[in-house]
Amino acid sequence: MKIIRTFVLTCLTAFSTPVHAEDFLGVTIAAETQSDSYKRSLYRHWIDEDSDKLDTRQQVLETESLIDVTIITKANGRRVVTDGLWAGPYTGFVTTTPGDLDVDHLVPLKEAHESGAWAWDADKRRSYANDLSNPAHLIAVKAGANRSKGFKDPAEWMPPNRAYWCQYLLNWVDVKRRWVLTMDQLEADAVKHGFRVCEKYASGDSLEGRH
């Protein structure tokens, strides 16, 4: 909690300048574009980058399980996770069944596309779609929560688990900054408001009710 509080206070200091500043927490503010050109097929996933027969989804499931997972090898040589223990941060949902989970791109593919990824080549899009270098980039979450979120940014959707809001926003900004993606104005305003709510949480507010 102390780390989150320190980071949030740093962010709030940045808000002393208008949120419509050209650069916001290291992310450029710009209108989204190229919505009509988005196709999920432009972002190839899930791949087996290290040729260990575990594709990106399976590696996320293995990494995020709270206990050692069981992995079986299928007839085609692919290895899959068949059980473990996961606590989905969006809702607090706990399961031992991988089929209950989606692996979510924290910043969705379509959101990334409209925020600058439309200009990337196929290799960079594939890298984004399968990024395992940043633990916050891909998250195992309850399937229903992921589908409720869809392509929405923080102006349109926040996790039902309010205790996760602070980390969610920190991770959102981090992914945008790492991949040099933009934020639109409503998104930036929502992130600004979210960090203010997080400061209440860091001070002991349970985040119940309206903020």
N, C-alpha and C. Protein backbone atom coordinates (compact mmCIF):
# COMPACT_ATOMS: atom_id res chain seq x y z
N MET A 1 0.83 -1.21 0.00
CA MET A 1 0.00 0.00 0.00
C MET A 1 0.87 1.26 0.00
N LYS A 2 2.01 1.21 0.73
CA LYS A 2 2.89 2.37 0.79
C LYS A 2 3.42 2.70 -0.59
N ILE A 3 3.78 1.66 -1.37
CA ILE A 3 4.30 1.89 -2.72
C ILE A 3 3.24 2.53 -3.59
N ILE A 4 2.00 2.01 -3.53
CA ILE A 4 0.91 2.57 -4.32
C ILE A 4 0.68 4.02 -3.92
N ARG A 5 0.68 4.30 -2.62
CA ARG A 5 0.43 5.66 -2.15
C ARG A 5 1.50 6.62 -2.69
N THR A 6 2.76 6.20 -2.63
CA THR A 6 3.84 7.05 -3.12
C THR A 6 3.69 7.33 -4.60
N PHE A 7 3.35 6.29 -5.36
CA PHE A 7 3.20 6.47 -6.80
C PHE A 7 2.02 7.38 -7.11
N VAL A 8 0.90 7.15 -6.40
CA VAL A 8 -0.28 7.98 -6.64
C VAL A 8 -0.02 9.43 -6.31
N LEU A 9 0.68 9.69 -5.20
CA LEU A 9 1.00 11.07 -4.85
C LEU A 9 1.88 11.72 -5.91
N THR A 10 2.80 10.96 -6.48
CA THR A 10 3.62 11.46 -7.57
C THR A 10 2.76 11.82 -8.76
N CYS A 11 1.80 10.95 -9.07
CA CYS A 11 0.89 11.20 -10.19
C CYS A 11 0.04 12.44 -9.94
N LEU A 12 -0.44 12.59 -8.71
CA LEU A 12 -1.27 13.74 -8.40
C LEU A 12 -0.49 15.03 -8.52
N THR A 13 0.80 15.00 -8.23
CA THR A 13 1.64 16.18 -8.42
C THR A 13 1.66 16.56 -9.88
N ALA A 14 1.70 15.56 -10.77
CA ALA A 14 1.70 15.83 -12.21
C ALA A 14 0.40 16.48 -12.64
N PHE A 15 -0.68 16.27 -11.88
CA PHE A 15 -1.98 16.83 -12.25
C PHE A 15 -2.09 18.31 -11.90
N SER A 16 -1.03 18.90 -11.34
CA SER A 16 -1.07 20.33 -11.06
C SER A 16 -1.10 21.13 -12.36
N THR A 17 -0.68 20.50 -13.48
CA THR A 17 -0.83 21.10 -14.80
C THR A 17 -2.11 20.56 -15.41
N PRO A 18 -2.70 21.28 -16.36
CA PRO A 18 -3.98 20.83 -16.93
C PRO A 18 -3.87 19.44 -17.54
N VAL A 19 -4.95 18.66 -17.41
CA VAL A 19 -4.94 17.31 -17.94
C VAL A 19 -4.85 17.31 -19.46
N HIS A 20 -5.19 18.42 -20.10
CA HIS A 20 -5.12 18.46 -21.56
C HIS A 20 -3.73 18.85 -22.05
N ALA A 21 -2.73 18.86 -21.14
CA ALA A 21 -1.37 19.12 -21.58
C ALA A 21 -0.96 18.10 -22.63
N GLU A 22 -0.06 18.49 -23.51
CA GLU A 22 0.33 17.62 -24.62
C GLU A 22 0.89 16.29 -24.14
N ASP A 23 1.61 16.33 -23.00
CA ASP A 23 2.20 15.11 -22.45
C ASP A 23 1.63 14.88 -21.06
N PHE A 24 1.08 13.69 -20.81
CA PHE A 24 0.38 13.38 -19.56
C PHE A 24 0.99 12.12 -18.97
N LEU A 25 1.78 12.28 -17.89
CA LEU A 25 2.45 11.15 -17.27
C LEU A 25 3.28 10.36 -18.28
N GLY A 26 3.88 11.08 -19.23
CA GLY A 26 4.70 10.43 -20.24
C GLY A 26 3.94 9.89 -21.42
N VAL A 27 2.64 10.17 -21.48
CA VAL A 27 1.79 9.70 -22.58
C VAL A 27 1.21 10.90 -23.31
N THR A 28 1.28 10.91 -24.61
CA THR A 28 0.76 12.02 -25.41
C THR A 28 -0.77 11.97 -25.48
N ILE A 29 -1.41 13.11 -25.33
CA ILE A 29 -2.86 13.22 -25.47
C ILE A 29 -3.19 13.48 -26.95
N ALA A 30 -3.99 12.61 -27.54
CA ALA A 30 -4.36 12.75 -28.95
C ALA A 30 -5.65 11.98 -29.19
N ALA A 31 -6.42 12.44 -30.16
CA ALA A 31 -7.66 11.75 -30.52
C ALA A 31 -7.34 10.38 -31.10
N GLU A 32 -8.23 9.41 -30.84
CA GLU A 32 -8.07 8.09 -31.43
C GLU A 32 -8.37 8.15 -32.92
N THR A 33 -7.69 7.29 -33.68
CA THR A 33 -7.86 7.26 -35.13
C THR A 33 -7.86 5.82 -35.63
N GLN A 34 -8.17 5.65 -36.91
CA GLN A 34 -8.06 4.36 -37.60
C GLN A 34 -8.97 3.27 -37.02
N SER A 35 -10.08 3.65 -36.41
CA SER A 35 -10.99 2.65 -35.85
C SER A 35 -11.48 1.68 -36.91
N ASP A 36 -11.78 2.19 -38.09
CA ASP A 36 -12.35 1.35 -39.15
C ASP A 36 -11.34 0.36 -39.71
N SER A 37 -10.05 0.60 -39.48
CA SER A 37 -9.03 -0.28 -40.04
C SER A 37 -8.67 -1.44 -39.11
N TYR A 38 -9.25 -1.46 -37.90
CA TYR A 38 -8.89 -2.52 -36.94
C TYR A 38 -9.48 -3.86 -37.35
N LYS A 39 -8.62 -4.88 -37.30
CA LYS A 39 -9.03 -6.28 -37.41
C LYS A 39 -8.21 -7.07 -36.40
N ARG A 40 -8.87 -7.92 -35.66
CA ARG A 40 -8.16 -8.71 -34.66
C ARG A 40 -7.05 -9.55 -35.29
N SER A 41 -7.27 -9.97 -36.52
CA SER A 41 -6.29 -10.81 -37.21
C SER A 41 -4.97 -10.08 -37.48
N LEU A 42 -4.96 -8.75 -37.36
CA LEU A 42 -3.72 -8.00 -37.54
C LEU A 42 -2.74 -8.24 -36.39
N TYR A 43 -3.25 -8.78 -35.26
CA TYR A 43 -2.46 -8.96 -34.05
C TYR A 43 -2.38 -10.46 -33.74
N ARG A 44 -1.43 -11.13 -34.35
CA ARG A 44 -1.33 -12.58 -34.26
C ARG A 44 -1.05 -13.05 -32.83
N HIS A 45 -1.90 -13.91 -32.33
CA HIS A 45 -1.71 -14.52 -31.02
C HIS A 45 -2.60 -15.76 -30.98
N TRP A 46 -2.42 -16.70 -30.12
CA TRP A 46 -1.31 -16.82 -29.19
C TRP A 46 -0.17 -17.59 -29.86
N ILE A 47 1.08 -17.16 -29.68
CA ILE A 47 2.21 -17.80 -30.33
C ILE A 47 3.08 -18.50 -29.29
N ASP A 48 3.99 -19.35 -29.77
CA ASP A 48 4.95 -20.04 -28.90
C ASP A 48 6.32 -19.47 -29.22
N GLU A 49 6.62 -18.33 -28.64
CA GLU A 49 7.81 -17.57 -28.99
C GLU A 49 9.10 -18.34 -28.67
N ASP A 50 9.11 -19.07 -27.56
CA ASP A 50 10.34 -19.74 -27.14
C ASP A 50 10.36 -21.23 -27.50
N SER A 51 9.37 -21.67 -28.29
CA SER A 51 9.33 -23.05 -28.82
C SER A 51 9.33 -24.11 -27.71
N ASP A 52 8.67 -23.81 -26.58
CA ASP A 52 8.59 -24.80 -25.51
C ASP A 52 7.26 -25.54 -25.52
N LYS A 53 6.48 -25.34 -26.59
CA LYS A 53 5.17 -25.99 -26.79
C LYS A 53 4.09 -25.41 -25.89
N LEU A 54 4.41 -24.35 -25.16
CA LEU A 54 3.41 -23.61 -24.40
C LEU A 54 3.20 -22.27 -25.09
N ASP A 55 1.98 -22.01 -25.60
CA ASP A 55 1.76 -20.72 -26.24
C ASP A 55 1.58 -19.63 -25.18
N THR A 56 1.39 -18.41 -25.64
CA THR A 56 1.35 -17.27 -24.72
C THR A 56 0.26 -17.43 -23.66
N ARG A 57 -0.92 -17.86 -24.06
CA ARG A 57 -2.01 -18.04 -23.08
C ARG A 57 -1.60 -19.03 -22.00
N GLN A 58 -1.03 -20.15 -22.41
CA GLN A 58 -0.65 -21.17 -21.44
C GLN A 58 0.46 -20.67 -20.50
N GLN A 59 1.37 -19.88 -21.03
CA GLN A 59 2.44 -19.34 -20.19
C GLN A 59 1.89 -18.37 -19.15
N VAL A 60 0.91 -17.55 -19.54
CA VAL A 60 0.29 -16.65 -18.56
C VAL A 60 -0.41 -17.44 -17.47
N LEU A 61 -1.15 -18.48 -17.87
CA LEU A 61 -1.83 -19.31 -16.88
C LEU A 61 -0.82 -19.96 -15.93
N GLU A 62 0.28 -20.45 -16.46
CA GLU A 62 1.30 -21.07 -15.62
C GLU A 62 1.90 -20.05 -14.65
N THR A 63 2.23 -18.88 -15.16
CA THR A 63 2.90 -17.86 -14.34
C THR A 63 1.99 -17.31 -13.25
N GLU A 64 0.71 -17.13 -13.56
CA GLU A 64 -0.18 -16.44 -12.63
C GLU A 64 -0.89 -17.38 -11.66
N SER A 65 -0.74 -18.68 -11.83
CA SER A 65 -1.34 -19.61 -10.87
C SER A 65 -0.69 -19.44 -9.52
N LEU A 66 -1.50 -19.50 -8.48
CA LEU A 66 -1.00 -19.35 -7.12
C LEU A 66 -0.38 -20.64 -6.58
N ILE A 67 -0.56 -21.74 -7.30
CA ILE A 67 0.06 -23.01 -6.94
C ILE A 67 0.69 -23.60 -8.20
N ASP A 68 1.46 -24.65 -8.03
CA ASP A 68 2.04 -25.32 -9.20
C ASP A 68 0.92 -25.87 -10.08
N VAL A 69 1.05 -25.68 -11.37
CA VAL A 69 0.02 -26.13 -12.30
C VAL A 69 0.30 -27.54 -12.79
N THR A 70 -0.73 -28.18 -13.32
CA THR A 70 -0.58 -29.44 -14.04
C THR A 70 -0.58 -29.14 -15.52
N ILE A 71 0.40 -29.66 -16.23
CA ILE A 71 0.51 -29.44 -17.68
C ILE A 71 0.53 -30.80 -18.37
N ILE A 72 -0.30 -30.94 -19.39
CA ILE A 72 -0.29 -32.18 -20.17
C ILE A 72 0.15 -31.87 -21.59
N THR A 73 0.65 -32.90 -22.27
CA THR A 73 1.04 -32.77 -23.67
C THR A 73 -0.02 -33.43 -24.54
N LYS A 74 -0.57 -32.70 -25.48
CA LYS A 74 -1.62 -33.21 -26.35
C LYS A 74 -1.00 -33.99 -27.52
N ALA A 75 -1.86 -34.66 -28.27
CA ALA A 75 -1.40 -35.51 -29.36
C ALA A 75 -0.60 -34.73 -30.41
N ASN A 76 -0.94 -33.47 -30.58
CA ASN A 76 -0.23 -32.64 -31.58
C ASN A 76 1.06 -32.05 -31.05
N GLY A 77 1.43 -32.39 -29.79
CA GLY A 77 2.66 -31.90 -29.20
C GLY A 77 2.51 -30.64 -28.36
N ARG A 78 1.37 -29.97 -28.49
CA ARG A 78 1.15 -28.76 -27.69
C ARG A 78 0.98 -29.13 -26.24
N ARG A 79 1.49 -28.28 -25.35
CA ARG A 79 1.36 -28.46 -23.91
C ARG A 79 0.33 -27.46 -23.39
N VAL A 80 -0.57 -27.93 -22.53
CA VAL A 80 -1.63 -27.07 -22.02
C VAL A 80 -1.75 -27.23 -20.50
N VAL A 81 -2.11 -26.13 -19.87
CA VAL A 81 -2.35 -26.12 -18.42
C VAL A 81 -3.76 -26.65 -18.17
N THR A 82 -3.87 -27.67 -17.30
CA THR A 82 -5.18 -28.26 -17.05
C THR A 82 -5.75 -27.92 -15.68
N ASP A 83 -4.91 -27.55 -14.73
CA ASP A 83 -5.43 -27.06 -13.45
C ASP A 83 -4.36 -26.28 -12.71
N GLY A 84 -4.82 -25.49 -11.78
CA GLY A 84 -3.98 -24.62 -10.97
C GLY A 84 -4.90 -23.88 -10.02
N LEU A 85 -4.52 -22.68 -9.62
CA LEU A 85 -5.36 -21.85 -8.76
C LEU A 85 -5.14 -20.39 -9.14
N TRP A 86 -6.23 -19.74 -9.56
CA TRP A 86 -6.13 -18.36 -10.02
C TRP A 86 -7.14 -17.49 -9.28
N ALA A 87 -6.73 -16.26 -9.00
CA ALA A 87 -7.62 -15.25 -8.43
C ALA A 87 -7.66 -14.08 -9.41
N GLY A 88 -8.73 -13.98 -10.17
CA GLY A 88 -8.84 -12.93 -11.17
C GLY A 88 -8.98 -11.57 -10.52
N PRO A 89 -8.08 -10.62 -10.79
CA PRO A 89 -8.09 -9.34 -10.07
C PRO A 89 -9.27 -8.44 -10.41
N TYR A 90 -9.89 -8.60 -11.57
CA TYR A 90 -10.98 -7.69 -11.95
C TYR A 90 -12.20 -7.86 -11.05
N THR A 91 -12.43 -9.10 -10.60
CA THR A 91 -13.63 -9.37 -9.80
C THR A 91 -13.34 -10.07 -8.48
N GLY A 92 -12.11 -10.56 -8.29
CA GLY A 92 -11.82 -11.38 -7.13
C GLY A 92 -12.24 -12.82 -7.32
N PHE A 93 -12.63 -13.17 -8.52
CA PHE A 93 -13.07 -14.53 -8.87
C PHE A 93 -11.93 -15.52 -8.69
N VAL A 94 -12.20 -16.63 -7.99
CA VAL A 94 -11.19 -17.66 -7.76
C VAL A 94 -11.63 -18.95 -8.44
N THR A 95 -10.70 -19.59 -9.14
CA THR A 95 -11.03 -20.83 -9.84
C THR A 95 -9.81 -21.73 -9.93
N THR A 96 -10.07 -23.01 -10.10
CA THR A 96 -9.01 -23.98 -10.38
C THR A 96 -9.11 -24.49 -11.82
N THR A 97 -10.03 -23.90 -12.59
CA THR A 97 -10.31 -24.37 -13.95
C THR A 97 -9.87 -23.35 -14.98
N PRO A 98 -8.87 -23.66 -15.80
CA PRO A 98 -8.38 -22.69 -16.78
C PRO A 98 -9.46 -22.23 -17.77
N GLY A 99 -10.41 -23.09 -18.07
CA GLY A 99 -11.46 -22.73 -19.01
C GLY A 99 -12.36 -21.61 -18.53
N ASP A 100 -12.32 -21.31 -17.22
CA ASP A 100 -13.11 -20.20 -16.68
C ASP A 100 -12.48 -18.85 -16.98
N LEU A 101 -11.25 -18.87 -17.49
CA LEU A 101 -10.45 -17.65 -17.59
C LEU A 101 -10.19 -17.25 -19.03
N ASP A 102 -10.20 -15.94 -19.27
CA ASP A 102 -9.63 -15.35 -20.48
C ASP A 102 -8.29 -14.74 -20.11
N VAL A 103 -7.38 -14.71 -21.05
CA VAL A 103 -6.15 -13.93 -20.86
C VAL A 103 -6.37 -12.59 -21.56
N ASP A 104 -6.47 -11.55 -20.76
CA ASP A 104 -6.85 -10.23 -21.23
C ASP A 104 -5.63 -9.37 -21.54
N HIS A 105 -5.68 -8.66 -22.67
CA HIS A 105 -4.72 -7.58 -22.90
C HIS A 105 -5.21 -6.39 -22.08
N LEU A 106 -4.44 -5.99 -21.08
CA LEU A 106 -4.89 -4.92 -20.20
C LEU A 106 -5.30 -3.69 -21.01
N VAL A 107 -4.44 -3.25 -21.92
CA VAL A 107 -4.85 -2.26 -22.92
C VAL A 107 -5.26 -3.06 -24.15
N PRO A 108 -6.57 -3.13 -24.44
CA PRO A 108 -7.07 -4.03 -25.47
C PRO A 108 -6.44 -3.77 -26.85
N LEU A 109 -6.47 -4.79 -27.68
CA LEU A 109 -5.87 -4.68 -29.00
C LEU A 109 -6.48 -3.54 -29.81
N LYS A 110 -7.79 -3.42 -29.80
CA LYS A 110 -8.43 -2.35 -30.57
C LYS A 110 -8.07 -0.98 -30.00
N GLU A 111 -8.02 -0.87 -28.68
CA GLU A 111 -7.61 0.39 -28.05
C GLU A 111 -6.19 0.74 -28.45
N ALA A 112 -5.30 -0.25 -28.43
CA ALA A 112 -3.92 -0.01 -28.85
C ALA A 112 -3.87 0.42 -30.32
N HIS A 113 -4.65 -0.24 -31.15
CA HIS A 113 -4.69 0.08 -32.59
C HIS A 113 -5.08 1.54 -32.81
N GLU A 114 -6.12 1.97 -32.12
CA GLU A 114 -6.62 3.33 -32.29
C GLU A 114 -5.71 4.36 -31.63
N SER A 115 -4.80 3.90 -30.76
CA SER A 115 -3.90 4.80 -30.03
C SER A 115 -2.50 4.83 -30.63
N GLY A 116 -2.34 4.26 -31.83
CA GLY A 116 -1.06 4.34 -32.51
C GLY A 116 -0.55 3.06 -33.12
N ALA A 117 -1.06 1.92 -32.66
CA ALA A 117 -0.56 0.64 -33.17
C ALA A 117 -0.95 0.39 -34.62
N TRP A 118 -1.90 1.15 -35.13
CA TRP A 118 -2.29 1.01 -36.53
C TRP A 118 -1.09 1.24 -37.45
N ALA A 119 -0.11 2.01 -37.00
CA ALA A 119 1.04 2.34 -37.83
C ALA A 119 2.18 1.31 -37.71
N TRP A 120 2.03 0.32 -36.83
CA TRP A 120 3.10 -0.64 -36.61
C TRP A 120 3.15 -1.67 -37.73
N ASP A 121 4.32 -2.34 -37.86
CA ASP A 121 4.41 -3.46 -38.79
C ASP A 121 3.91 -4.73 -38.10
N ALA A 122 3.82 -5.81 -38.86
CA ALA A 122 3.25 -7.06 -38.33
C ALA A 122 4.05 -7.61 -37.16
N ASP A 123 5.37 -7.48 -37.20
CA ASP A 123 6.20 -8.02 -36.12
C ASP A 123 5.94 -7.30 -34.81
N LYS A 124 5.80 -5.98 -34.85
CA LYS A 124 5.57 -5.23 -33.61
C LYS A 124 4.16 -5.51 -33.08
N ARG A 125 3.20 -5.66 -33.98
CA ARG A 125 1.85 -6.00 -33.52
C ARG A 125 1.84 -7.37 -32.85
N ARG A 126 2.55 -8.33 -33.42
CA ARG A 126 2.63 -9.66 -32.82
C ARG A 126 3.30 -9.59 -31.45
N SER A 127 4.34 -8.78 -31.35
CA SER A 127 5.03 -8.62 -30.06
C SER A 127 4.09 -8.04 -29.02
N TYR A 128 3.30 -7.04 -29.40
CA TYR A 128 2.35 -6.44 -28.47
C TYR A 128 1.32 -7.47 -28.02
N ALA A 129 0.81 -8.23 -28.97
CA ALA A 129 -0.25 -9.19 -28.66
C ALA A 129 0.21 -10.32 -27.75
N ASN A 130 1.53 -10.54 -27.66
CA ASN A 130 2.07 -11.67 -26.91
C ASN A 130 3.12 -11.25 -25.88
N ASP A 131 3.08 -10.01 -25.42
CA ASP A 131 4.13 -9.47 -24.56
C ASP A 131 4.13 -10.13 -23.18
N LEU A 132 5.16 -10.91 -22.91
CA LEU A 132 5.33 -11.54 -21.61
C LEU A 132 6.41 -10.84 -20.77
N SER A 133 7.02 -9.80 -21.32
CA SER A 133 8.11 -9.12 -20.60
C SER A 133 7.58 -8.24 -19.48
N ASN A 134 6.33 -7.82 -19.58
CA ASN A 134 5.70 -6.96 -18.58
C ASN A 134 4.56 -7.74 -17.93
N PRO A 135 4.68 -8.11 -16.65
CA PRO A 135 3.64 -8.92 -16.00
C PRO A 135 2.25 -8.29 -16.02
N ALA A 136 2.17 -6.98 -16.21
CA ALA A 136 0.87 -6.29 -16.20
C ALA A 136 0.20 -6.30 -17.57
N HIS A 137 0.91 -6.72 -18.60
CA HIS A 137 0.40 -6.58 -19.96
C HIS A 137 -0.73 -7.57 -20.26
N LEU A 138 -0.55 -8.81 -19.84
CA LEU A 138 -1.53 -9.88 -20.05
C LEU A 138 -1.93 -10.43 -18.69
N ILE A 139 -3.24 -10.56 -18.45
CA ILE A 139 -3.73 -10.97 -17.14
C ILE A 139 -4.82 -12.03 -17.30
N ALA A 140 -4.72 -13.09 -16.51
CA ALA A 140 -5.77 -14.12 -16.48
C ALA A 140 -6.92 -13.60 -15.62
N VAL A 141 -8.10 -13.47 -16.24
CA VAL A 141 -9.25 -12.90 -15.54
C VAL A 141 -10.50 -13.71 -15.85
N LYS A 142 -11.51 -13.55 -15.03
CA LYS A 142 -12.78 -14.21 -15.28
C LYS A 142 -13.28 -13.86 -16.68
N ALA A 143 -13.68 -14.88 -17.43
CA ALA A 143 -14.06 -14.67 -18.83
C ALA A 143 -15.15 -13.61 -18.96
N GLY A 144 -16.15 -13.65 -18.10
CA GLY A 144 -17.25 -12.70 -18.20
C GLY A 144 -16.80 -11.27 -17.99
N ALA A 145 -15.85 -11.05 -17.08
CA ALA A 145 -15.34 -9.70 -16.83
C ALA A 145 -14.59 -9.18 -18.04
N ASN A 146 -13.79 -10.03 -18.65
CA ASN A 146 -13.05 -9.63 -19.84
C ASN A 146 -13.99 -9.24 -20.97
N ARG A 147 -15.06 -9.98 -21.13
CA ARG A 147 -15.99 -9.70 -22.23
C ARG A 147 -16.84 -8.47 -21.93
N SER A 148 -17.08 -8.21 -20.65
CA SER A 148 -17.76 -6.97 -20.27
C SER A 148 -16.87 -5.76 -20.57
N LYS A 149 -15.60 -5.90 -20.31
CA LYS A 149 -14.64 -4.83 -20.60
C LYS A 149 -14.52 -4.58 -22.09
N GLY A 150 -14.42 -5.67 -22.88
CA GLY A 150 -14.29 -5.53 -24.32
C GLY A 150 -13.11 -4.66 -24.72
N PHE A 151 -13.38 -3.62 -25.52
CA PHE A 151 -12.34 -2.71 -25.99
C PHE A 151 -12.30 -1.41 -25.19
N LYS A 152 -12.98 -1.38 -24.07
CA LYS A 152 -13.19 -0.12 -23.35
C LYS A 152 -11.93 0.36 -22.62
N ASP A 153 -11.78 1.69 -22.54
CA ASP A 153 -10.71 2.29 -21.76
C ASP A 153 -11.27 2.72 -20.40
N PRO A 154 -10.47 3.30 -19.49
CA PRO A 154 -10.97 3.64 -18.15
C PRO A 154 -12.09 4.67 -18.12
N ALA A 155 -12.32 5.40 -19.21
CA ALA A 155 -13.46 6.32 -19.25
C ALA A 155 -14.77 5.56 -19.42
N GLU A 156 -14.68 4.31 -19.87
CA GLU A 156 -15.88 3.53 -20.18
C GLU A 156 -16.05 2.30 -19.30
N TRP A 157 -14.98 1.85 -18.66
CA TRP A 157 -15.05 0.62 -17.86
C TRP A 157 -13.93 0.62 -16.84
N MET A 158 -14.28 0.20 -15.62
CA MET A 158 -13.30 -0.06 -14.58
C MET A 158 -13.64 -1.40 -13.93
N PRO A 159 -12.66 -2.10 -13.38
CA PRO A 159 -12.93 -3.40 -12.78
C PRO A 159 -13.99 -3.33 -11.68
N PRO A 160 -14.90 -4.30 -11.62
CA PRO A 160 -15.87 -4.33 -10.52
C PRO A 160 -15.20 -4.37 -9.14
N ASN A 161 -14.02 -4.99 -9.05
CA ASN A 161 -13.27 -5.04 -7.80
C ASN A 161 -12.58 -3.70 -7.58
N ARG A 162 -13.18 -2.85 -6.78
CA ARG A 162 -12.65 -1.50 -6.60
C ARG A 162 -11.28 -1.49 -5.92
N ALA A 163 -10.98 -2.51 -5.16
CA ALA A 163 -9.68 -2.58 -4.52
C ALA A 163 -8.55 -2.72 -5.54
N TYR A 164 -8.90 -3.08 -6.77
CA TYR A 164 -7.90 -3.23 -7.83
C TYR A 164 -7.77 -1.98 -8.70
N TRP A 165 -8.61 -0.99 -8.48
CA TRP A 165 -8.60 0.19 -9.34
C TRP A 165 -7.22 0.85 -9.42
N CYS A 166 -6.58 1.02 -8.28
CA CYS A 166 -5.31 1.74 -8.26
C CYS A 166 -4.27 1.04 -9.13
N GLN A 167 -4.13 -0.28 -8.91
CA GLN A 167 -3.15 -1.03 -9.69
C GLN A 167 -3.53 -1.07 -11.16
N TYR A 168 -4.81 -1.16 -11.43
CA TYR A 168 -5.28 -1.20 -12.82
C TYR A 168 -4.87 0.07 -13.56
N LEU A 169 -5.06 1.21 -12.94
CA LEU A 169 -4.71 2.48 -13.58
C LEU A 169 -3.20 2.64 -13.72
N LEU A 170 -2.46 2.25 -12.69
CA LEU A 170 -1.00 2.29 -12.79
C LEU A 170 -0.51 1.44 -13.96
N ASN A 171 -1.09 0.25 -14.08
CA ASN A 171 -0.69 -0.65 -15.16
C ASN A 171 -1.11 -0.11 -16.52
N TRP A 172 -2.29 0.49 -16.58
CA TRP A 172 -2.78 1.06 -17.85
C TRP A 172 -1.81 2.13 -18.37
N VAL A 173 -1.45 3.05 -17.48
CA VAL A 173 -0.51 4.10 -17.88
C VAL A 173 0.84 3.51 -18.27
N ASP A 174 1.28 2.51 -17.53
CA ASP A 174 2.57 1.89 -17.79
C ASP A 174 2.61 1.25 -19.18
N VAL A 175 1.56 0.52 -19.53
CA VAL A 175 1.51 -0.12 -20.86
C VAL A 175 1.48 0.93 -21.96
N LYS A 176 0.68 1.96 -21.78
CA LYS A 176 0.61 3.03 -22.79
C LYS A 176 1.98 3.69 -22.98
N ARG A 177 2.65 3.93 -21.87
CA ARG A 177 3.95 4.60 -21.94
C ARG A 177 5.01 3.69 -22.58
N ARG A 178 5.04 2.42 -22.17
CA ARG A 178 6.03 1.48 -22.70
C ARG A 178 5.93 1.35 -24.23
N TRP A 179 4.71 1.35 -24.74
CA TRP A 179 4.49 1.11 -26.16
C TRP A 179 4.26 2.40 -26.94
N VAL A 180 4.48 3.54 -26.28
CA VAL A 180 4.34 4.86 -26.91
C VAL A 180 2.97 4.98 -27.58
N LEU A 181 1.95 4.63 -26.82
CA LEU A 181 0.57 4.77 -27.28
C LEU A 181 -0.03 6.04 -26.68
N THR A 182 -0.98 6.63 -27.35
CA THR A 182 -1.59 7.87 -26.89
C THR A 182 -2.80 7.62 -25.99
N MET A 183 -3.26 8.67 -25.34
CA MET A 183 -4.54 8.68 -24.64
C MET A 183 -5.42 9.75 -25.25
N ASP A 184 -6.72 9.46 -25.38
CA ASP A 184 -7.60 10.54 -25.79
C ASP A 184 -8.01 11.35 -24.55
N GLN A 185 -8.68 12.47 -24.78
CA GLN A 185 -8.96 13.39 -23.69
C GLN A 185 -9.83 12.78 -22.60
N LEU A 186 -10.91 12.09 -22.98
CA LEU A 186 -11.80 11.49 -21.99
C LEU A 186 -11.07 10.43 -21.18
N GLU A 187 -10.23 9.66 -21.84
CA GLU A 187 -9.44 8.64 -21.16
C GLU A 187 -8.50 9.27 -20.13
N ALA A 188 -7.80 10.32 -20.53
CA ALA A 188 -6.89 11.00 -19.61
C ALA A 188 -7.63 11.59 -18.43
N ASP A 189 -8.80 12.18 -18.68
CA ASP A 189 -9.61 12.74 -17.59
C ASP A 189 -10.02 11.63 -16.61
N ALA A 190 -10.39 10.46 -17.16
CA ALA A 190 -10.81 9.34 -16.31
C ALA A 190 -9.66 8.82 -15.47
N VAL A 191 -8.48 8.77 -16.06
CA VAL A 191 -7.30 8.32 -15.31
C VAL A 191 -6.99 9.32 -14.19
N LYS A 192 -7.08 10.61 -14.50
CA LYS A 192 -6.86 11.64 -13.49
C LYS A 192 -7.84 11.47 -12.33
N HIS A 193 -9.11 11.30 -12.65
CA HIS A 193 -10.11 11.10 -11.60
C HIS A 193 -9.82 9.82 -10.82
N GLY A 194 -9.45 8.77 -11.54
CA GLY A 194 -9.18 7.50 -10.90
C GLY A 194 -8.06 7.59 -9.89
N PHE A 195 -7.00 8.32 -10.20
CA PHE A 195 -5.91 8.46 -9.25
C PHE A 195 -6.34 9.26 -8.02
N ARG A 196 -7.27 10.18 -8.19
CA ARG A 196 -7.79 10.90 -7.03
C ARG A 196 -8.56 9.94 -6.12
N VAL A 197 -9.34 9.04 -6.73
CA VAL A 197 -10.04 8.03 -5.95
C VAL A 197 -9.03 7.11 -5.25
N CYS A 198 -7.96 6.79 -5.94
CA CYS A 198 -6.93 5.93 -5.36
C CYS A 198 -6.27 6.57 -4.17
N GLU A 199 -6.13 7.88 -4.19
CA GLU A 199 -5.57 8.57 -3.04
C GLU A 199 -6.49 8.40 -1.83
N LYS A 200 -7.81 8.40 -2.06
CA LYS A 200 -8.73 8.13 -0.96
C LYS A 200 -8.51 6.71 -0.44
N TYR A 201 -8.35 5.77 -1.36
CA TYR A 201 -8.14 4.38 -0.97
C TYR A 201 -6.85 4.23 -0.17
N ALA A 202 -5.78 4.88 -0.63
CA ALA A 202 -4.50 4.81 0.07
C ALA A 202 -4.60 5.42 1.47
N SER A 203 -5.59 6.30 1.66
CA SER A 203 -5.78 6.95 2.97
C SER A 203 -6.73 6.18 3.86
N GLY A 204 -7.23 5.03 3.35
CA GLY A 204 -8.08 4.20 4.19
C GLY A 204 -9.53 4.10 3.74
N ASP A 205 -9.92 4.84 2.69
CA ASP A 205 -11.29 4.76 2.16
C ASP A 205 -11.47 3.38 1.53
N SER A 206 -12.61 2.74 1.76
CA SER A 206 -12.87 1.40 1.20
C SER A 206 -13.37 1.46 -0.24
N LEU A 207 -13.52 2.67 -0.78
CA LEU A 207 -14.03 2.90 -2.14
C LEU A 207 -15.48 2.47 -2.31
N GLU A 208 -16.22 2.42 -1.22
CA GLU A 208 -17.65 2.13 -1.33
C GLU A 208 -18.39 3.42 -1.68
N GLY A 209 -19.50 3.26 -2.38
CA GLY A 209 -20.33 4.41 -2.72
C GLY A 209 -19.76 5.23 -3.86
N ARG A 210 -20.24 6.45 -4.02
CA ARG A 210 -19.86 7.30 -5.14
C ARG A 210 -18.59 8.09 -4.81
N HIS A 211 -17.81 8.39 -5.86
CA HIS A 211 -16.60 9.19 -5.70
C HIS A 211 -16.58 10.30 -6.75
